[in-house]
Protein backbone atom coordinates (compact mmCIF):
# COMPACT_ATOMS: atom_id res chain seq x y z
CA MET A 1 -1.90 28.18 -8.15
CA THR A 2 0.37 30.58 -6.32
CA GLY A 3 -2.56 32.86 -5.49
CA LEU A 4 -4.72 29.99 -4.27
CA TYR A 5 -2.15 28.19 -2.18
CA GLY A 6 -0.49 31.45 -1.16
CA ALA A 7 -3.76 32.27 0.64
CA ILE A 8 -3.97 28.95 2.47
CA GLN A 9 -4.16 29.17 6.25
CA PRO A 10 -4.69 26.79 9.19
CA ALA A 11 -8.44 26.19 9.27
CA ASP A 12 -9.18 23.68 12.00
CA SER A 13 -7.79 21.01 14.22
CA VAL A 14 -10.12 18.06 13.91
CA SER A 15 -11.78 17.00 17.14
CA LEU A 16 -10.02 13.77 18.05
CA SER A 17 -11.32 10.95 20.21
CA THR A 18 -10.86 11.03 23.99
CA ARG A 19 -8.60 7.98 23.92
CA THR A 20 -4.85 8.32 23.74
CA HIS A 21 -4.22 7.32 20.15
CA GLY A 22 -0.58 8.35 19.90
CA ALA A 23 1.26 9.78 16.92
CA VAL A 24 -0.38 10.23 13.50
CA PHE A 25 1.55 8.03 11.05
CA ASN A 26 -0.57 8.39 7.91
CA LEU A 27 -3.48 10.39 6.47
CA GLU A 28 -5.65 9.30 3.55
CA TYR A 29 -8.66 10.89 1.88
CA SER A 30 -11.30 8.80 0.14
CA PRO A 31 -11.20 9.29 -3.67
CA ASP A 32 -14.31 11.52 -3.55
CA GLY A 33 -12.83 13.61 -0.71
CA SER A 34 -15.75 12.91 1.64
CA VAL A 35 -13.79 11.06 4.35
CA LEU A 36 -10.39 11.67 5.94
CA THR A 37 -8.87 8.61 7.63
CA VAL A 38 -6.09 8.80 10.22
CA ALA A 39 -3.66 5.96 11.00
CA CYS A 40 -2.53 6.16 14.64
CA GLU A 41 0.37 4.80 16.64
CA GLN A 42 -1.83 3.17 19.30
CA THR A 43 -3.93 0.67 17.27
CA GLU A 44 -6.64 3.18 16.24
CA VAL A 45 -8.01 4.42 12.93
CA LEU A 46 -9.97 7.69 13.08
CA LEU A 47 -12.47 8.86 10.46
CA PHE A 48 -13.54 12.49 9.93
CA ASP A 49 -15.64 14.63 7.63
CA PRO A 50 -12.90 16.93 6.26
CA ILE A 51 -15.34 19.68 5.29
CA SER A 52 -17.04 20.05 8.68
CA SER A 53 -14.05 18.71 10.68
CA LYS A 54 -16.48 16.46 12.55
CA HIS A 55 -15.53 13.09 13.93
CA ILE A 56 -17.32 10.20 12.20
CA LYS A 57 -15.97 7.04 13.79
CA THR A 58 -13.08 5.62 15.81
CA LEU A 59 -11.92 2.09 15.09
CA SER A 60 -10.45 1.66 18.55
CA GLU A 61 -8.86 -1.76 18.00
CA ALA A 62 -8.29 -1.70 14.28
CA HIS A 63 -5.04 -3.61 14.84
CA GLU A 64 -3.01 -4.98 17.73
CA ASP A 65 -0.07 -2.62 17.11
CA CYS A 66 0.77 0.63 15.30
CA VAL A 67 -1.34 1.41 12.22
CA ASN A 68 1.10 2.48 9.51
CA ASN A 69 -0.76 3.07 6.27
CA ILE A 70 -4.27 3.40 4.85
CA ARG A 71 -5.28 2.90 1.22
CA PHE A 72 -8.73 3.35 -0.37
CA LEU A 73 -9.62 0.78 -3.01
CA ASP A 74 -12.70 2.80 -4.01
CA ASN A 75 -15.03 5.30 -2.32
CA ARG A 76 -16.22 2.70 0.21
CA LEU A 77 -13.61 -0.02 0.68
CA PHE A 78 -10.23 0.71 2.29
CA ALA A 79 -7.28 -1.25 3.66
CA THR A 80 -5.07 -0.68 6.70
CA CYS A 81 -1.72 -2.25 7.60
CA SER A 82 0.10 -2.54 10.89
CA ASP A 83 3.16 -3.51 12.87
CA ASP A 84 1.10 -6.53 13.98
CA THR A 85 2.07 -7.98 10.52
CA THR A 86 -1.53 -7.97 9.20
CA ILE A 87 -3.62 -6.05 6.67
CA ALA A 88 -7.31 -5.38 7.33
CA LEU A 89 -10.05 -4.57 4.82
CA TRP A 90 -12.88 -2.23 5.87
CA ASP A 91 -16.16 -1.05 4.36
CA LEU A 92 -17.35 2.48 5.22
CA ARG A 93 -20.95 1.21 5.18
CA LYS A 94 -20.24 -1.34 7.94
CA LEU A 95 -17.42 -0.23 10.20
CA ASN A 96 -18.34 -2.31 13.24
CA THR A 97 -16.44 -5.28 11.86
CA LYS A 98 -13.59 -5.84 9.41
CA VAL A 99 -14.38 -7.25 6.01
CA CYS A 100 -11.43 -9.59 6.58
CA THR A 101 -7.89 -9.78 7.96
CA LEU A 102 -4.99 -10.75 5.72
CA HIS A 103 -2.07 -12.79 7.07
CA GLY A 104 1.14 -13.36 5.12
CA HIS A 105 3.86 -10.93 6.25
CA THR A 106 6.28 -11.87 9.02
CA SER A 107 7.26 -8.35 10.10
CA TRP A 108 5.85 -4.81 10.20
CA VAL A 109 3.70 -4.01 7.16
CA LYS A 110 4.41 -0.47 5.95
CA ASN A 111 2.86 0.07 2.50
CA ILE A 112 -0.33 -0.68 0.58
CA GLU A 113 -0.83 -0.17 -3.16
CA TYR A 114 -3.78 -1.16 -5.37
CA ASP A 115 -4.11 -1.98 -9.06
CA THR A 116 -7.63 -0.88 -10.02
CA ASN A 117 -7.45 -2.76 -13.35
CA THR A 118 -6.79 -6.21 -11.89
CA ARG A 119 -8.18 -5.51 -8.37
CA LEU A 120 -4.94 -6.80 -6.89
CA LEU A 121 -3.79 -5.41 -3.54
CA VAL A 122 -0.01 -5.04 -3.18
CA THR A 123 1.66 -4.73 0.24
CA SER A 124 5.24 -4.46 1.47
CA GLY A 125 6.86 -4.78 4.87
CA PHE A 126 10.10 -4.82 6.79
CA ASP A 127 10.34 -8.57 6.18
CA GLY A 128 11.54 -7.51 2.72
CA ASN A 129 8.53 -9.06 0.99
CA VAL A 130 6.13 -7.61 -1.55
CA ILE A 131 2.91 -9.67 -1.42
CA ILE A 132 0.01 -9.72 -3.92
CA TRP A 133 -3.57 -10.24 -2.64
CA ASP A 134 -6.44 -11.16 -4.99
CA THR A 135 -9.41 -9.11 -3.75
CA ASN A 136 -11.56 -10.65 -6.51
CA ARG A 137 -11.69 -13.83 -4.40
CA CYS A 138 -11.92 -12.25 -0.96
CA THR A 139 -13.81 -14.09 1.81
CA GLU A 140 -14.19 -13.61 5.56
CA ASP A 141 -11.09 -15.78 5.96
CA GLY A 142 -8.95 -13.50 3.76
CA CYS A 143 -7.74 -13.33 0.16
CA PRO A 144 -5.56 -15.68 -1.89
CA HIS A 145 -2.04 -14.30 -1.84
CA LYS A 146 1.47 -14.94 -3.10
CA LYS A 147 4.92 -13.51 -2.47
CA PHE A 148 5.81 -11.43 -5.51
CA PHE A 149 9.26 -10.03 -4.73
CA HIS A 150 11.86 -9.93 -1.96
CA THR A 151 14.75 -7.61 -1.22
CA ARG A 152 16.80 -6.76 1.85
CA PHE A 153 16.33 -3.46 3.71
CA LEU A 154 13.00 -2.67 1.98
CA MET A 155 11.55 0.67 3.11
CA ARG A 156 8.83 1.80 0.68
CA MET A 157 7.09 0.39 -2.40
CA ARG A 158 4.96 2.26 -4.97
CA LEU A 159 3.19 1.54 -8.25
CA THR A 160 3.19 4.12 -11.04
CA PRO A 161 -0.28 5.55 -11.83
CA ASP A 162 -0.67 3.23 -14.84
CA CYS A 163 0.72 0.27 -12.83
CA SER A 164 3.39 -0.35 -15.49
CA LYS A 165 6.27 -0.07 -13.00
CA MET A 166 6.95 -0.85 -9.37
CA LEU A 167 9.47 1.28 -7.44
CA ILE A 168 11.07 0.12 -4.20
CA SER A 169 13.31 2.17 -1.92
CA THR A 170 15.71 0.70 0.63
CA SER A 171 17.41 1.80 3.82
CA SER A 172 20.76 1.12 2.13
CA GLY A 173 20.17 3.84 -0.47
CA TYR A 174 19.09 1.82 -3.49
CA LEU A 175 16.07 2.50 -5.67
CA LEU A 176 14.76 -0.60 -7.45
CA ILE A 177 12.51 -0.34 -10.51
CA LEU A 178 10.59 -3.28 -11.97
CA HIS A 179 9.75 -2.34 -15.56
CA ASP A 180 6.78 -3.55 -17.64
CA LEU A 181 5.17 -4.93 -14.51
CA ASP A 182 3.30 -8.24 -14.46
CA LEU A 183 1.83 -8.79 -11.00
CA ASN A 184 0.58 -12.27 -11.90
CA LYS A 185 4.12 -13.64 -12.02
CA SER A 186 6.00 -14.33 -8.79
CA LEU A 187 9.67 -13.37 -8.84
CA GLU A 188 12.17 -15.61 -7.14
CA VAL A 189 15.72 -14.39 -6.56
CA GLY A 190 17.63 -14.62 -9.83
CA SER A 191 14.49 -15.25 -11.93
CA TYR A 192 14.13 -11.69 -13.19
CA PRO A 193 16.27 -10.05 -15.88
CA ILE A 194 18.64 -7.36 -14.63
CA LEU A 195 18.96 -4.05 -16.41
CA ARG A 196 22.30 -2.34 -16.00
CA ALA A 197 22.25 1.17 -14.58
CA ARG A 198 22.01 3.37 -17.65
CA ARG A 199 20.75 6.65 -19.01
CA THR A 200 17.62 6.20 -21.04
CA THR A 201 14.34 7.84 -21.94
CA SER A 202 11.93 7.03 -19.14
CA SER A 203 8.60 8.15 -17.78
CA SER A 204 9.84 7.56 -14.23
CA ASP A 205 11.72 10.47 -12.75
CA ILE A 206 13.23 11.21 -9.45
CA THR A 207 12.45 13.81 -6.91
CA SER A 208 14.29 13.33 -3.77
CA SER A 209 13.48 15.16 -0.63
CA GLY A 210 15.88 15.11 2.20
CA SER A 211 15.74 14.98 5.92
CA SER A 212 19.17 15.83 7.27
CA GLY A 213 20.13 15.80 3.65
CA PRO A 214 18.75 17.15 0.42
CA ARG A 215 15.39 16.66 -1.12
CA ALA A 216 15.52 16.24 -4.81
CA VAL A 217 13.25 15.92 -7.76
CA GLY A 218 14.06 14.17 -10.94
CA SER A 219 12.63 14.02 -14.35
CA PRO A 220 12.86 11.97 -17.52
CA CYS A 221 16.30 11.72 -19.02
CA HIS A 222 16.72 12.46 -22.71
CA GLN A 223 20.13 10.89 -23.29
CA HIS A 224 20.16 7.72 -25.38
CA ASP A 225 23.21 5.74 -24.27
CA SER A 226 21.33 2.85 -22.74
CA GLY A 227 23.36 -0.17 -21.79
CA PRO A 228 22.56 -3.74 -22.88
CA LEU A 229 20.60 -6.18 -20.76
CA SER A 230 22.69 -8.54 -18.69
CA GLU A 231 23.15 -11.72 -20.70
CA LYS A 232 23.77 -13.64 -17.49
CA HIS A 233 20.17 -13.18 -16.45
CA LEU A 234 18.42 -12.82 -19.78
CA SER A 235 18.37 -14.75 -23.03
CA ARG A 236 17.46 -12.97 -26.23
CA SER A 237 14.45 -15.22 -26.69
CA SER A 238 12.92 -13.80 -23.51
CA GLN A 239 13.05 -10.21 -24.78
CA ARG A 240 9.97 -8.71 -26.35
CA GLU A 241 10.52 -6.88 -29.59
CA GLY A 242 11.05 -3.15 -29.07
CA GLY A 243 11.15 -3.23 -25.28
CA SER A 244 12.35 -4.80 -22.07
CA PRO A 245 11.09 -8.18 -20.85
CA ARG A 246 8.33 -8.28 -18.25
CA ASN A 247 9.42 -7.48 -14.69
CA SER A 248 12.97 -6.53 -15.67
CA LEU A 249 14.80 -5.10 -12.67
CA GLU A 250 16.90 -1.94 -12.59
CA VAL A 251 18.95 -1.09 -9.51
CA LEU A 252 19.83 2.58 -9.03
CA THR A 253 21.59 4.78 -6.51
CA PRO A 254 19.88 8.17 -6.85
CA GLU A 255 22.06 11.25 -6.89
CA VAL A 256 21.94 13.22 -3.65
CA PRO A 257 23.91 16.50 -3.72
CA GLY A 258 26.63 16.71 -1.09
CA GLU A 259 26.24 13.07 -0.06
CA ARG A 260 28.51 11.35 -2.56
CA ASP A 261 30.79 9.76 0.02
CA ARG A 262 28.25 8.14 2.30
CA GLY A 263 25.09 6.08 2.03
CA ASN A 264 21.57 7.43 2.28
CA CYS A 265 18.42 5.84 3.61
CA ILE A 266 15.46 6.52 1.27
CA THR A 267 12.74 6.82 3.89
CA SER A 268 9.88 8.23 1.82
CA LEU A 269 8.89 7.45 -1.76
CA GLN A 270 6.05 9.14 -3.67
CA LEU A 271 5.17 9.28 -7.37
CA HIS A 272 3.92 12.21 -9.42
CA PRO A 273 0.18 11.71 -10.18
CA LYS A 274 0.96 11.70 -13.91
CA GLY A 275 4.00 9.45 -13.53
CA TRP A 276 6.42 12.24 -14.46
CA ALA A 277 8.62 12.18 -11.38
CA THR A 278 9.58 10.34 -8.25
CA LEU A 279 9.73 12.18 -4.94
CA LEU A 280 12.25 10.89 -2.40
CA ARG A 281 13.20 11.89 1.10
CA CYS A 282 16.77 10.86 1.77
CA SER A 283 18.56 10.94 5.08
CA SER A 284 22.14 10.09 5.84
CA ASN A 285 22.63 6.53 7.06
CA THR A 286 24.73 7.98 9.85
CA ASP A 287 21.55 9.64 11.18
CA ASP A 288 18.63 7.31 10.49
CA GLN A 289 20.20 4.06 9.40
CA GLU A 290 18.21 0.91 10.10
CA GLU A 291 20.34 -1.30 12.30
CA GLY A 292 22.50 -3.53 10.14
CA ALA A 293 21.88 -1.64 6.88
CA PRO A 294 25.13 -1.22 4.98
CA VAL A 295 26.45 2.01 3.55
CA ARG A 296 25.96 1.51 -0.17
CA PRO A 297 28.56 2.19 -2.85
CA VAL A 298 27.92 5.14 -5.12
CA SER A 299 26.87 4.16 -8.64
CA PRO A 300 28.55 6.24 -11.36
CA ARG A 301 25.43 6.28 -13.51
CA CYS A 302 21.71 6.48 -12.95
CA SER A 303 18.82 6.34 -15.43
CA LEU A 304 16.94 8.99 -13.48
CA ARG A 305 18.07 12.58 -13.64
CA LEU A 306 18.00 14.83 -10.59
CA THR A 307 16.02 17.97 -11.45
CA HIS A 308 15.10 19.66 -8.14
CA CYS A 309 16.17 19.41 -4.53
CA ILE A 310 15.93 21.16 -1.18
CA GLU A 311 17.57 20.53 2.17
CA GLU A 312 16.16 20.65 5.67
CA ALA A 313 17.21 19.73 9.20
CA ASN A 314 16.28 16.31 10.51
CA VAL A 315 13.81 17.38 13.20
CA GLY A 316 12.20 14.40 14.92
CA ARG A 317 15.04 12.06 14.10
CA GLY A 318 14.09 8.38 13.94
CA TYR A 319 10.56 8.95 12.62
CA ILE A 320 9.64 8.59 8.97
CA LYS A 321 8.10 11.73 7.49
CA GLU A 322 5.71 11.27 4.58
CA LEU A 323 5.41 14.01 1.96
CA CYS A 324 3.09 14.14 -1.06
CA PHE A 325 2.24 15.70 -4.41
CA SER A 326 -0.85 17.83 -5.00
CA PRO A 327 -3.52 16.12 -7.18
CA ASP A 328 -2.35 18.06 -10.26
CA GLY A 329 1.33 17.38 -9.49
CA ARG A 330 2.37 21.06 -9.45
CA MET A 331 3.11 21.26 -5.76
CA ILE A 332 4.70 19.24 -2.97
CA SER A 333 3.66 19.33 0.68
CA SER A 334 6.46 18.35 3.04
CA PRO A 335 6.59 17.97 6.84
CA HIS A 336 8.92 20.67 8.14
CA GLY A 337 9.55 20.83 11.87
CA PHE A 338 6.28 21.68 13.61
CA GLY A 339 4.52 22.45 10.34
CA ILE A 340 4.57 21.89 6.59
CA ARG A 341 6.19 23.55 3.59
CA LEU A 342 4.48 23.96 0.23
CA LEU A 343 7.06 23.63 -2.53
CA GLY A 344 6.87 24.26 -6.27
CA PHE A 345 9.15 23.50 -9.21
CA ASP A 346 9.32 27.24 -9.83
CA ALA A 347 7.85 30.40 -8.29
CA GLN A 348 4.80 30.21 -10.59
CA CYS A 349 3.96 26.58 -9.70
CA ARG A 350 4.17 25.52 -13.31
CA GLU A 351 3.98 21.93 -14.51
CA LEU A 352 7.25 20.03 -14.14
CA VAL A 353 7.53 19.46 -17.90
CA ASP A 354 7.25 23.23 -18.49
CA CYS A 355 10.15 24.18 -16.22
CA LEU A 356 12.70 21.37 -16.48
CA PRO A 357 16.12 22.82 -15.62
CA ARG A 358 19.31 21.79 -17.39
CA GLU A 359 20.93 21.22 -14.00
CA ALA A 360 19.46 20.38 -10.60
CA SER A 361 17.65 23.42 -9.19
CA PRO A 362 16.21 24.18 -5.76
CA LEU A 363 12.53 23.61 -5.12
CA ARG A 364 10.79 26.93 -4.48
CA GLU A 365 9.08 27.49 -1.16
CA ILE A 366 5.55 28.79 -1.81
CA ARG A 367 4.32 28.85 1.76
CA SER A 368 5.21 27.59 5.24
CA LEU A 369 2.41 26.72 7.64
CA TYR A 370 2.89 26.03 11.34
CA SER A 371 -0.02 24.98 13.57
CA HIS A 372 1.33 22.03 15.56
CA ASN A 373 3.13 21.86 18.87
CA ASP A 374 5.10 18.76 17.89
CA VAL A 375 6.96 17.31 14.90
CA VAL A 376 4.78 16.78 11.82
CA LEU A 377 5.09 13.24 10.43
CA THR A 378 2.62 13.17 7.54
CA THR A 379 0.71 15.46 5.20
CA LYS A 380 -1.83 14.94 2.40
CA PHE A 381 -3.71 17.01 -0.19
CA SER A 382 -7.45 16.47 -0.60
CA PRO A 383 -8.18 14.95 -4.04
CA THR A 384 -11.27 17.12 -4.55
CA HIS A 385 -11.00 20.30 -2.44
CA CYS A 386 -8.33 22.92 -1.91
CA GLN A 387 -7.43 21.48 1.46
CA ILE A 388 -4.32 20.01 3.07
CA ALA A 389 -4.19 17.85 6.20
CA SER A 390 -1.18 17.23 8.46
CA GLY A 391 -0.61 15.01 11.47
CA CYS A 392 2.04 15.21 14.17
CA LEU A 393 3.89 13.15 16.75
CA SER A 394 1.58 14.15 19.61
CA GLY A 395 -1.53 13.05 17.68
CA ARG A 396 -2.99 16.32 16.44
CA VAL A 397 -4.47 16.60 12.93
CA SER A 398 -4.66 20.06 11.35
CA LEU A 399 -6.49 21.18 8.22
CA TYR A 400 -5.47 24.07 5.95
CA GLN A 401 -7.72 25.96 3.51
CA PRO A 402 -7.51 29.25 1.56
CA LYS A 403 -8.72 32.40 3.32
CA PHE A 404 -9.22 35.57 1.28
């Protein structure tokens, strides 16, 4: 791993369309690695062949406002979401028209997740809502949908790889975890059981990465002093033997070194591809606080243990920077100024479970790559090739590949 990624170099800047498409907010490869999609600030979605760096198609009016996120449902169908409050479904075989447009959010839509087992699309937005869309019954008029969950100051939402948990980060510094997830059940305020913050064995870990604050990685805790479920919200008859009830909620304040006395906005949330860790980018609320978001109190306990962290300056303040894991989970790619940093859990890029420290340790920098002339906002590993893509504030997309 260190030899392969240590030899990685800027390969190409993809040839972008002649239109002014604005900043690159998100990059997404198709599952087979044959298409790279680019979500742009000015209503466009760009599609490229990542191997030849050739432009395939420009969806010039994909939305009526900024395109924030792209998610492939399979090798052909993908979804986009926008500040115009809508989600659009697209088919690579017929890009002249949308499959359908989904209406349901009342503010900017920022995240798209997909449960391949149930074929349910899950979206979240700055209206605080998580909405479920049934793509099994999709028509030209849209998909049946329902509001699944609501919380104030919602920033990012992710599903674990096995879709057994939902994680939600907020601009007020909280990390919410819905355990033993059941997407078919809508959750009204007060209808879900509350788990007290505790230390417990868990397959969800925490990696937090910091902008104007530390980046940290966490891993499963092995202490066994778990607290009881709140009797106010949960009767014993609702508990399943040997485990928590469906959709039980845990509210955490992740540990951020050096930031104990002030709140942190969790602006980026990613999950390890094997579900071993959670990767967070935290920035001080005094720097990037959403207007009106409160500084949160510090919780004395957290069921996720901080294992790794690294700090960097908040270059490009006010913009969310999206980092990611490599497909095997051994490496992290993080926007860093006008480039990206490749980070490992140790100098040998070993698996997280093989190098868990007793105390929080720094992430190791494997390589820094700079090929942009503006602040990098997003980066993504190819799922099939040894290739990394990055996009910046001025709209350039760069590709990186090994050169020997």
